[in-house]
Amino acid sequence: MSDHKHLKRLDRIWVVNPRYFITVCTENRRKILASEKAVSVLSREWESAIDRHGWAVGSYVIMPDHVHFFCTDGEQGVKLSEFIGKWKEWTAKTLKREAALNGQIWQGGFFDHLLRSAESYSEKWDYVQKNPVRAGLVENPDDWPYRGSIHYR
């Protein structure tokens, strides 16, 4: 029998208005997202997320083959998995129509990380905004054109 005392604290964790760090990758890591058309589609869907799904989207970085963004649910928000599923569904349809993309757009699933403090958010944002630099796409994070924030910073 294994010792799971460390798991007992999980039933006591309660975060009001949780903020999540989300990563979603394209199917087979296709480099299809770093364009004005793609960014327009993704950001429009994030802008409507508060009304459609009850989720507010904060800062984001769109890389050629994946996206990172932060989000928090409102009082009437749907489950996180439902929000991300609907976002992926709508963006895939719109990317095919408006950006002339074909095939499967998104990889199945997504990565989420619950942020428990402002420090955690700051660490993740530092990592995210430097992603284009690490990938050799720009020398300075501020030079990457496919980043921003929607409902909050």
N, C-alpha and C. Protein backbone atom coordinates (compact mmCIF):
# COMPACT_ATOMS: atom_id res chain seq x y z
N MET A 1 0.85 -1.18 0.00
CA MET A 1 0.00 0.00 0.00
C MET A 1 0.89 1.24 0.00
N SER A 2 0.65 2.14 -0.93
CA SER A 2 1.49 3.33 -1.03
C SER A 2 0.97 4.44 -0.11
N ASP A 3 1.85 5.32 0.23
CA ASP A 3 1.53 6.43 1.10
C ASP A 3 1.10 7.63 0.26
N HIS A 4 -0.13 8.05 0.39
CA HIS A 4 -0.66 9.17 -0.41
C HIS A 4 -1.02 10.37 0.47
N LYS A 5 -0.29 10.56 1.57
CA LYS A 5 -0.59 11.68 2.46
C LYS A 5 -0.50 13.02 1.74
N HIS A 6 0.41 13.11 0.77
CA HIS A 6 0.57 14.38 0.05
C HIS A 6 -0.68 14.72 -0.76
N LEU A 7 -1.49 13.73 -1.10
CA LEU A 7 -2.70 13.99 -1.87
C LEU A 7 -3.85 14.49 -1.00
N LYS A 8 -3.77 14.30 0.30
CA LYS A 8 -4.86 14.71 1.19
C LYS A 8 -5.11 16.21 1.13
N ARG A 9 -4.07 16.99 0.85
CA ARG A 9 -4.25 18.44 0.81
C ARG A 9 -5.09 18.87 -0.39
N LEU A 10 -5.21 18.04 -1.41
CA LEU A 10 -5.94 18.43 -2.61
C LEU A 10 -7.39 18.75 -2.33
N ASP A 11 -7.99 18.09 -1.34
CA ASP A 11 -9.39 18.38 -1.04
C ASP A 11 -9.56 19.72 -0.32
N ARG A 12 -8.45 20.34 0.09
CA ARG A 12 -8.52 21.63 0.77
C ARG A 12 -8.13 22.79 -0.14
N ILE A 13 -7.71 22.51 -1.34
CA ILE A 13 -7.32 23.58 -2.26
C ILE A 13 -8.58 24.15 -2.90
N TRP A 14 -8.78 25.43 -2.72
CA TRP A 14 -9.90 26.11 -3.34
C TRP A 14 -9.43 27.47 -3.78
N VAL A 15 -9.47 27.72 -5.06
CA VAL A 15 -9.02 28.99 -5.60
C VAL A 15 -10.24 29.71 -6.18
N VAL A 16 -10.53 30.89 -5.64
CA VAL A 16 -11.64 31.69 -6.15
C VAL A 16 -11.18 32.35 -7.44
N ASN A 17 -12.01 32.30 -8.46
CA ASN A 17 -11.67 32.82 -9.78
C ASN A 17 -10.28 32.33 -10.21
N PRO A 18 -10.16 31.04 -10.38
CA PRO A 18 -8.84 30.49 -10.74
C PRO A 18 -8.35 31.02 -12.08
N ARG A 19 -7.05 31.21 -12.16
CA ARG A 19 -6.40 31.63 -13.39
C ARG A 19 -5.58 30.45 -13.89
N TYR A 20 -5.75 30.13 -15.16
CA TYR A 20 -5.06 29.00 -15.76
C TYR A 20 -4.08 29.46 -16.83
N PHE A 21 -3.01 28.72 -16.94
CA PHE A 21 -2.05 28.86 -18.04
C PHE A 21 -2.35 27.71 -18.98
N ILE A 22 -2.66 28.01 -20.23
CA ILE A 22 -3.09 27.02 -21.22
C ILE A 22 -2.10 26.97 -22.38
N THR A 23 -1.83 25.76 -22.86
CA THR A 23 -1.06 25.56 -24.08
C THR A 23 -1.85 24.63 -24.99
N VAL A 24 -2.02 25.05 -26.24
CA VAL A 24 -2.71 24.25 -27.25
C VAL A 24 -1.78 24.17 -28.47
N CYS A 25 -1.56 22.96 -28.97
CA CYS A 25 -0.66 22.75 -30.11
C CYS A 25 -1.43 22.40 -31.37
N THR A 26 -0.86 22.76 -32.50
CA THR A 26 -1.44 22.37 -33.77
C THR A 26 -1.19 20.88 -34.02
N GLU A 27 -2.01 20.29 -34.84
CA GLU A 27 -1.85 18.89 -35.21
C GLU A 27 -0.49 18.69 -35.87
N ASN A 28 0.26 17.72 -35.40
CA ASN A 28 1.60 17.41 -35.92
C ASN A 28 2.54 18.61 -35.88
N ARG A 29 2.23 19.56 -34.98
CA ARG A 29 3.03 20.77 -34.78
C ARG A 29 3.26 21.52 -36.11
N ARG A 30 2.20 21.53 -36.94
CA ARG A 30 2.25 22.29 -38.20
C ARG A 30 2.44 23.77 -37.89
N LYS A 31 3.28 24.43 -38.63
CA LYS A 31 3.57 25.86 -38.42
C LYS A 31 2.60 26.70 -39.26
N ILE A 32 1.39 26.88 -38.71
CA ILE A 32 0.32 27.52 -39.47
C ILE A 32 -0.29 28.74 -38.78
N LEU A 33 0.21 29.10 -37.60
CA LEU A 33 -0.48 30.12 -36.82
C LEU A 33 0.15 31.51 -36.85
N ALA A 34 1.40 31.64 -37.23
CA ALA A 34 2.08 32.94 -37.18
C ALA A 34 1.77 33.76 -38.43
N SER A 35 0.53 34.24 -38.49
CA SER A 35 0.10 35.11 -39.59
C SER A 35 -0.97 36.05 -39.06
N GLU A 36 -1.14 37.17 -39.72
CA GLU A 36 -2.16 38.13 -39.30
C GLU A 36 -3.56 37.52 -39.33
N LYS A 37 -3.85 36.73 -40.37
CA LYS A 37 -5.18 36.12 -40.47
C LYS A 37 -5.44 35.16 -39.32
N ALA A 38 -4.47 34.31 -39.02
CA ALA A 38 -4.64 33.35 -37.93
C ALA A 38 -4.79 34.06 -36.60
N VAL A 39 -3.96 35.06 -36.36
CA VAL A 39 -4.03 35.82 -35.11
C VAL A 39 -5.39 36.50 -34.97
N SER A 40 -5.89 37.03 -36.05
CA SER A 40 -7.21 37.68 -36.03
C SER A 40 -8.30 36.68 -35.62
N VAL A 41 -8.27 35.50 -36.19
CA VAL A 41 -9.27 34.47 -35.86
C VAL A 41 -9.17 34.07 -34.40
N LEU A 42 -7.97 33.77 -33.93
CA LEU A 42 -7.80 33.31 -32.55
C LEU A 42 -8.20 34.39 -31.56
N SER A 43 -7.77 35.62 -31.79
CA SER A 43 -8.08 36.69 -30.84
C SER A 43 -9.57 37.04 -30.85
N ARG A 44 -10.23 36.98 -31.99
CA ARG A 44 -11.69 37.22 -32.02
C ARG A 44 -12.42 36.20 -31.18
N GLU A 45 -12.02 34.95 -31.27
CA GLU A 45 -12.67 33.91 -30.47
C GLU A 45 -12.40 34.11 -28.99
N TRP A 46 -11.18 34.54 -28.63
CA TRP A 46 -10.89 34.83 -27.23
C TRP A 46 -11.73 36.00 -26.74
N GLU A 47 -11.90 37.02 -27.59
CA GLU A 47 -12.70 38.19 -27.20
C GLU A 47 -14.14 37.80 -26.89
N SER A 48 -14.70 36.87 -27.64
CA SER A 48 -16.08 36.47 -27.43
C SER A 48 -16.25 35.41 -26.33
N ALA A 49 -15.13 34.89 -25.82
CA ALA A 49 -15.20 33.81 -24.82
C ALA A 49 -15.94 34.22 -23.56
N ILE A 50 -15.84 35.46 -23.17
CA ILE A 50 -16.50 35.91 -21.94
C ILE A 50 -18.01 35.84 -22.09
N ASP A 51 -18.54 36.21 -23.25
CA ASP A 51 -19.98 36.16 -23.47
C ASP A 51 -20.47 34.75 -23.81
N ARG A 52 -19.71 34.04 -24.61
CA ARG A 52 -20.13 32.71 -25.05
C ARG A 52 -19.97 31.63 -23.98
N HIS A 53 -18.85 31.71 -23.24
CA HIS A 53 -18.50 30.61 -22.34
C HIS A 53 -18.25 31.02 -20.90
N GLY A 54 -18.23 32.33 -20.62
CA GLY A 54 -17.98 32.79 -19.27
C GLY A 54 -16.52 32.76 -18.87
N TRP A 55 -15.62 32.80 -19.85
CA TRP A 55 -14.19 32.78 -19.58
C TRP A 55 -13.54 34.05 -20.11
N ALA A 56 -12.73 34.69 -19.26
CA ALA A 56 -11.97 35.88 -19.65
C ALA A 56 -10.55 35.44 -20.00
N VAL A 57 -10.05 35.94 -21.10
CA VAL A 57 -8.71 35.59 -21.56
C VAL A 57 -7.79 36.78 -21.34
N GLY A 58 -6.63 36.51 -20.77
CA GLY A 58 -5.66 37.56 -20.50
C GLY A 58 -4.60 37.61 -21.57
N SER A 59 -3.37 37.57 -21.16
CA SER A 59 -2.23 37.66 -22.07
C SER A 59 -2.07 36.38 -22.87
N TYR A 60 -1.54 36.54 -24.08
CA TYR A 60 -1.32 35.38 -24.95
C TYR A 60 -0.09 35.59 -25.82
N VAL A 61 0.46 34.49 -26.28
CA VAL A 61 1.51 34.48 -27.30
C VAL A 61 1.15 33.38 -28.28
N ILE A 62 1.11 33.74 -29.56
CA ILE A 62 0.81 32.78 -30.62
C ILE A 62 2.11 32.47 -31.34
N MET A 63 2.52 31.21 -31.25
CA MET A 63 3.72 30.73 -31.91
C MET A 63 3.29 30.07 -33.23
N PRO A 64 4.23 29.76 -34.11
CA PRO A 64 3.83 29.14 -35.38
C PRO A 64 3.06 27.83 -35.22
N ASP A 65 3.37 27.04 -34.18
CA ASP A 65 2.73 25.72 -34.04
C ASP A 65 2.02 25.49 -32.72
N HIS A 66 1.88 26.52 -31.90
CA HIS A 66 1.13 26.39 -30.65
C HIS A 66 0.79 27.78 -30.11
N VAL A 67 -0.12 27.78 -29.14
CA VAL A 67 -0.50 29.02 -28.47
C VAL A 67 -0.38 28.82 -26.96
N HIS A 68 -0.03 29.91 -26.29
CA HIS A 68 -0.05 29.98 -24.83
C HIS A 68 -0.99 31.11 -24.48
N PHE A 69 -1.86 30.89 -23.50
CA PHE A 69 -2.67 31.99 -23.01
C PHE A 69 -3.11 31.73 -21.58
N PHE A 70 -3.53 32.81 -20.93
CA PHE A 70 -4.01 32.76 -19.57
C PHE A 70 -5.51 33.03 -19.59
N CYS A 71 -6.25 32.36 -18.73
CA CYS A 71 -7.69 32.58 -18.68
C CYS A 71 -8.21 32.36 -17.27
N THR A 72 -9.34 32.97 -17.00
CA THR A 72 -10.01 32.80 -15.72
C THR A 72 -11.51 32.73 -15.97
N ASP A 73 -12.19 31.93 -15.15
CA ASP A 73 -13.63 31.78 -15.36
C ASP A 73 -14.40 32.81 -14.57
N GLY A 74 -15.54 33.18 -15.15
CA GLY A 74 -16.45 34.07 -14.46
C GLY A 74 -17.37 33.25 -13.58
N GLU A 75 -18.35 33.88 -13.01
CA GLU A 75 -19.26 33.16 -12.11
C GLU A 75 -20.12 32.14 -12.85
N GLN A 76 -20.38 32.35 -14.12
CA GLN A 76 -21.23 31.45 -14.88
C GLN A 76 -20.47 30.69 -15.96
N GLY A 77 -19.17 30.55 -15.79
CA GLY A 77 -18.35 29.89 -16.80
C GLY A 77 -18.61 28.40 -16.91
N VAL A 78 -18.50 27.89 -18.12
CA VAL A 78 -18.60 26.45 -18.34
C VAL A 78 -17.30 25.80 -17.85
N LYS A 79 -17.24 24.50 -17.84
CA LYS A 79 -16.01 23.81 -17.44
C LYS A 79 -14.88 24.20 -18.39
N LEU A 80 -13.67 24.22 -17.85
CA LEU A 80 -12.50 24.59 -18.65
C LEU A 80 -12.39 23.73 -19.90
N SER A 81 -12.56 22.44 -19.77
CA SER A 81 -12.44 21.54 -20.93
C SER A 81 -13.49 21.86 -21.99
N GLU A 82 -14.68 22.25 -21.57
CA GLU A 82 -15.72 22.62 -22.54
C GLU A 82 -15.35 23.92 -23.25
N PHE A 83 -14.86 24.90 -22.50
CA PHE A 83 -14.44 26.16 -23.10
C PHE A 83 -13.34 25.92 -24.13
N ILE A 84 -12.30 25.19 -23.76
CA ILE A 84 -11.18 24.96 -24.69
C ILE A 84 -11.67 24.15 -25.90
N GLY A 85 -12.52 23.15 -25.67
CA GLY A 85 -13.05 22.35 -26.78
C GLY A 85 -13.82 23.20 -27.78
N LYS A 86 -14.69 24.07 -27.27
CA LYS A 86 -15.47 24.95 -28.14
C LYS A 86 -14.57 25.96 -28.85
N TRP A 87 -13.58 26.50 -28.12
CA TRP A 87 -12.64 27.45 -28.74
C TRP A 87 -11.89 26.78 -29.89
N LYS A 88 -11.43 25.57 -29.66
CA LYS A 88 -10.71 24.84 -30.71
C LYS A 88 -11.63 24.55 -31.90
N GLU A 89 -12.86 24.16 -31.62
CA GLU A 89 -13.82 23.85 -32.68
C GLU A 89 -14.09 25.09 -33.55
N TRP A 90 -14.41 26.22 -32.91
CA TRP A 90 -14.74 27.44 -33.64
C TRP A 90 -13.54 28.01 -34.37
N THR A 91 -12.36 27.98 -33.74
CA THR A 91 -11.18 28.52 -34.42
C THR A 91 -10.79 27.64 -35.60
N ALA A 92 -10.93 26.34 -35.47
CA ALA A 92 -10.59 25.44 -36.59
C ALA A 92 -11.49 25.73 -37.79
N LYS A 93 -12.79 25.84 -37.55
CA LYS A 93 -13.72 26.13 -38.65
C LYS A 93 -13.40 27.47 -39.31
N THR A 94 -13.14 28.48 -38.48
CA THR A 94 -12.89 29.81 -39.01
C THR A 94 -11.53 29.91 -39.69
N LEU A 95 -10.52 29.24 -39.15
CA LEU A 95 -9.20 29.24 -39.80
C LEU A 95 -9.28 28.59 -41.18
N LYS A 96 -10.06 27.55 -41.30
CA LYS A 96 -10.21 26.89 -42.61
C LYS A 96 -10.89 27.82 -43.60
N ARG A 97 -11.88 28.54 -43.12
CA ARG A 97 -12.63 29.44 -44.01
C ARG A 97 -11.87 30.73 -44.32
N GLU A 98 -11.32 31.39 -43.31
CA GLU A 98 -10.73 32.71 -43.50
C GLU A 98 -9.24 32.70 -43.82
N ALA A 99 -8.52 31.69 -43.32
CA ALA A 99 -7.08 31.64 -43.56
C ALA A 99 -6.71 30.56 -44.57
N ALA A 100 -7.72 29.95 -45.18
CA ALA A 100 -7.53 28.93 -46.22
C ALA A 100 -6.64 27.77 -45.74
N LEU A 101 -6.80 27.40 -44.47
CA LEU A 101 -6.06 26.24 -43.95
C LEU A 101 -6.90 25.00 -44.18
N ASN A 102 -6.23 23.86 -44.28
CA ASN A 102 -6.97 22.62 -44.46
C ASN A 102 -6.45 21.56 -43.50
N GLY A 103 -7.17 20.45 -43.45
CA GLY A 103 -6.78 19.36 -42.57
C GLY A 103 -7.11 19.64 -41.12
N GLN A 104 -6.65 18.76 -40.27
CA GLN A 104 -6.85 18.90 -38.83
C GLN A 104 -6.02 20.09 -38.34
N ILE A 105 -6.63 20.99 -37.61
CA ILE A 105 -5.92 22.18 -37.13
C ILE A 105 -5.25 21.92 -35.78
N TRP A 106 -6.03 21.42 -34.81
CA TRP A 106 -5.53 21.28 -33.45
C TRP A 106 -5.23 19.84 -33.08
N GLN A 107 -4.20 19.68 -32.31
CA GLN A 107 -3.87 18.40 -31.70
C GLN A 107 -4.94 18.11 -30.65
N GLY A 108 -5.22 16.85 -30.39
CA GLY A 108 -6.17 16.50 -29.34
C GLY A 108 -5.67 16.95 -27.98
N GLY A 109 -6.57 17.34 -27.11
CA GLY A 109 -6.21 17.73 -25.75
C GLY A 109 -5.56 19.09 -25.67
N PHE A 110 -5.13 19.43 -24.47
CA PHE A 110 -4.45 20.68 -24.21
C PHE A 110 -3.75 20.54 -22.86
N PHE A 111 -2.83 21.45 -22.59
CA PHE A 111 -2.13 21.47 -21.31
C PHE A 111 -2.68 22.62 -20.49
N ASP A 112 -3.01 22.36 -19.23
CA ASP A 112 -3.44 23.44 -18.35
C ASP A 112 -2.68 23.37 -17.04
N HIS A 113 -2.43 24.55 -16.49
CA HIS A 113 -1.74 24.65 -15.21
C HIS A 113 -2.47 25.70 -14.39
N LEU A 114 -2.94 25.32 -13.20
CA LEU A 114 -3.61 26.25 -12.30
C LEU A 114 -2.56 27.14 -11.63
N LEU A 115 -2.73 28.44 -11.77
CA LEU A 115 -1.81 29.39 -11.14
C LEU A 115 -2.36 29.72 -9.76
N ARG A 116 -1.50 29.62 -8.77
CA ARG A 116 -1.96 29.82 -7.40
C ARG A 116 -1.54 31.15 -6.80
N SER A 117 -0.74 31.92 -7.54
CA SER A 117 -0.28 33.20 -6.98
C SER A 117 0.13 34.14 -8.11
N ALA A 118 0.29 35.41 -7.75
CA ALA A 118 0.78 36.40 -8.71
C ALA A 118 2.20 36.05 -9.13
N GLU A 119 2.97 35.48 -8.21
CA GLU A 119 4.34 35.07 -8.54
C GLU A 119 4.33 33.98 -9.60
N SER A 120 3.42 33.04 -9.46
CA SER A 120 3.31 31.95 -10.43
C SER A 120 2.95 32.52 -11.81
N TYR A 121 2.02 33.49 -11.85
CA TYR A 121 1.64 34.12 -13.10
C TYR A 121 2.84 34.83 -13.71
N SER A 122 3.56 35.57 -12.91
CA SER A 122 4.72 36.31 -13.39
C SER A 122 5.77 35.38 -13.98
N GLU A 123 6.03 34.26 -13.31
CA GLU A 123 7.00 33.28 -13.81
C GLU A 123 6.55 32.70 -15.15
N LYS A 124 5.27 32.33 -15.25
CA LYS A 124 4.76 31.76 -16.50
C LYS A 124 4.78 32.79 -17.62
N TRP A 125 4.39 34.03 -17.33
CA TRP A 125 4.38 35.06 -18.36
C TRP A 125 5.80 35.32 -18.85
N ASP A 126 6.77 35.34 -17.94
CA ASP A 126 8.16 35.52 -18.33
C ASP A 126 8.59 34.41 -19.30
N TYR A 127 8.22 33.19 -18.98
CA TYR A 127 8.52 32.04 -19.84
C TYR A 127 7.85 32.20 -21.21
N VAL A 128 6.56 32.52 -21.20
CA VAL A 128 5.78 32.61 -22.44
C VAL A 128 6.29 33.71 -23.35
N GLN A 129 6.52 34.89 -22.81
CA GLN A 129 6.92 35.99 -23.69
C GLN A 129 8.31 35.80 -24.27
N LYS A 130 9.14 34.96 -23.65
CA LYS A 130 10.47 34.68 -24.17
C LYS A 130 10.48 33.50 -25.16
N ASN A 131 9.35 32.87 -25.33
CA ASN A 131 9.25 31.72 -26.23
C ASN A 131 9.72 32.04 -27.65
N PRO A 132 9.31 33.15 -28.27
CA PRO A 132 9.80 33.48 -29.62
C PRO A 132 11.31 33.71 -29.67
N VAL A 133 11.88 34.21 -28.58
CA VAL A 133 13.33 34.42 -28.52
C VAL A 133 14.04 33.07 -28.49
N ARG A 134 13.57 32.17 -27.61
CA ARG A 134 14.17 30.83 -27.52
C ARG A 134 14.07 30.09 -28.84
N ALA A 135 12.99 30.35 -29.59
CA ALA A 135 12.79 29.67 -30.88
C ALA A 135 13.60 30.32 -32.00
N GLY A 136 14.31 31.42 -31.70
CA GLY A 136 15.12 32.09 -32.71
C GLY A 136 14.32 32.93 -33.69
N LEU A 137 13.10 33.30 -33.33
CA LEU A 137 12.24 34.07 -34.23
C LEU A 137 12.46 35.58 -34.11
N VAL A 138 12.85 36.04 -32.93
CA VAL A 138 13.17 37.44 -32.67
C VAL A 138 14.28 37.50 -31.63
N GLU A 139 14.88 38.68 -31.51
CA GLU A 139 15.93 38.85 -30.49
C GLU A 139 15.37 39.38 -29.19
N ASN A 140 14.26 40.11 -29.28
CA ASN A 140 13.65 40.72 -28.11
C ASN A 140 12.18 40.29 -28.05
N PRO A 141 11.66 39.88 -26.89
CA PRO A 141 10.26 39.45 -26.81
C PRO A 141 9.27 40.50 -27.32
N ASP A 142 9.58 41.77 -27.11
CA ASP A 142 8.68 42.83 -27.55
C ASP A 142 8.58 42.96 -29.06
N ASP A 143 9.52 42.34 -29.79
CA ASP A 143 9.51 42.39 -31.25
C ASP A 143 8.57 41.35 -31.87
N TRP A 144 8.08 40.39 -31.08
CA TRP A 144 7.19 39.36 -31.62
C TRP A 144 5.80 39.96 -31.82
N PRO A 145 5.30 39.98 -33.04
CA PRO A 145 4.03 40.67 -33.30
C PRO A 145 2.77 39.89 -32.89
N TYR A 146 2.91 38.62 -32.59
CA TYR A 146 1.73 37.78 -32.34
C TYR A 146 1.55 37.51 -30.85
N ARG A 147 1.38 38.59 -30.10
CA ARG A 147 1.17 38.52 -28.66
C ARG A 147 0.29 39.68 -28.25
N GLY A 148 -0.33 39.57 -27.11
CA GLY A 148 -1.19 40.65 -26.64
C GLY A 148 -1.96 40.22 -25.43
N SER A 149 -3.06 40.92 -25.20
CA SER A 149 -3.94 40.57 -24.09
C SER A 149 -5.34 40.99 -24.46
N ILE A 150 -6.31 40.24 -23.97
CA ILE A 150 -7.71 40.47 -24.35
C ILE A 150 -8.50 41.17 -23.23
N HIS A 151 -8.86 40.45 -22.18
CA HIS A 151 -9.72 41.00 -21.13
C HIS A 151 -8.96 41.53 -19.93
N TYR A 152 -7.76 41.06 -19.68
CA TYR A 152 -6.96 41.51 -18.56
C TYR A 152 -5.50 41.22 -18.85
N ARG A 153 -4.60 41.78 -18.07
CA ARG A 153 -3.16 41.52 -18.19
C ARG A 153 -2.70 40.62 -17.09
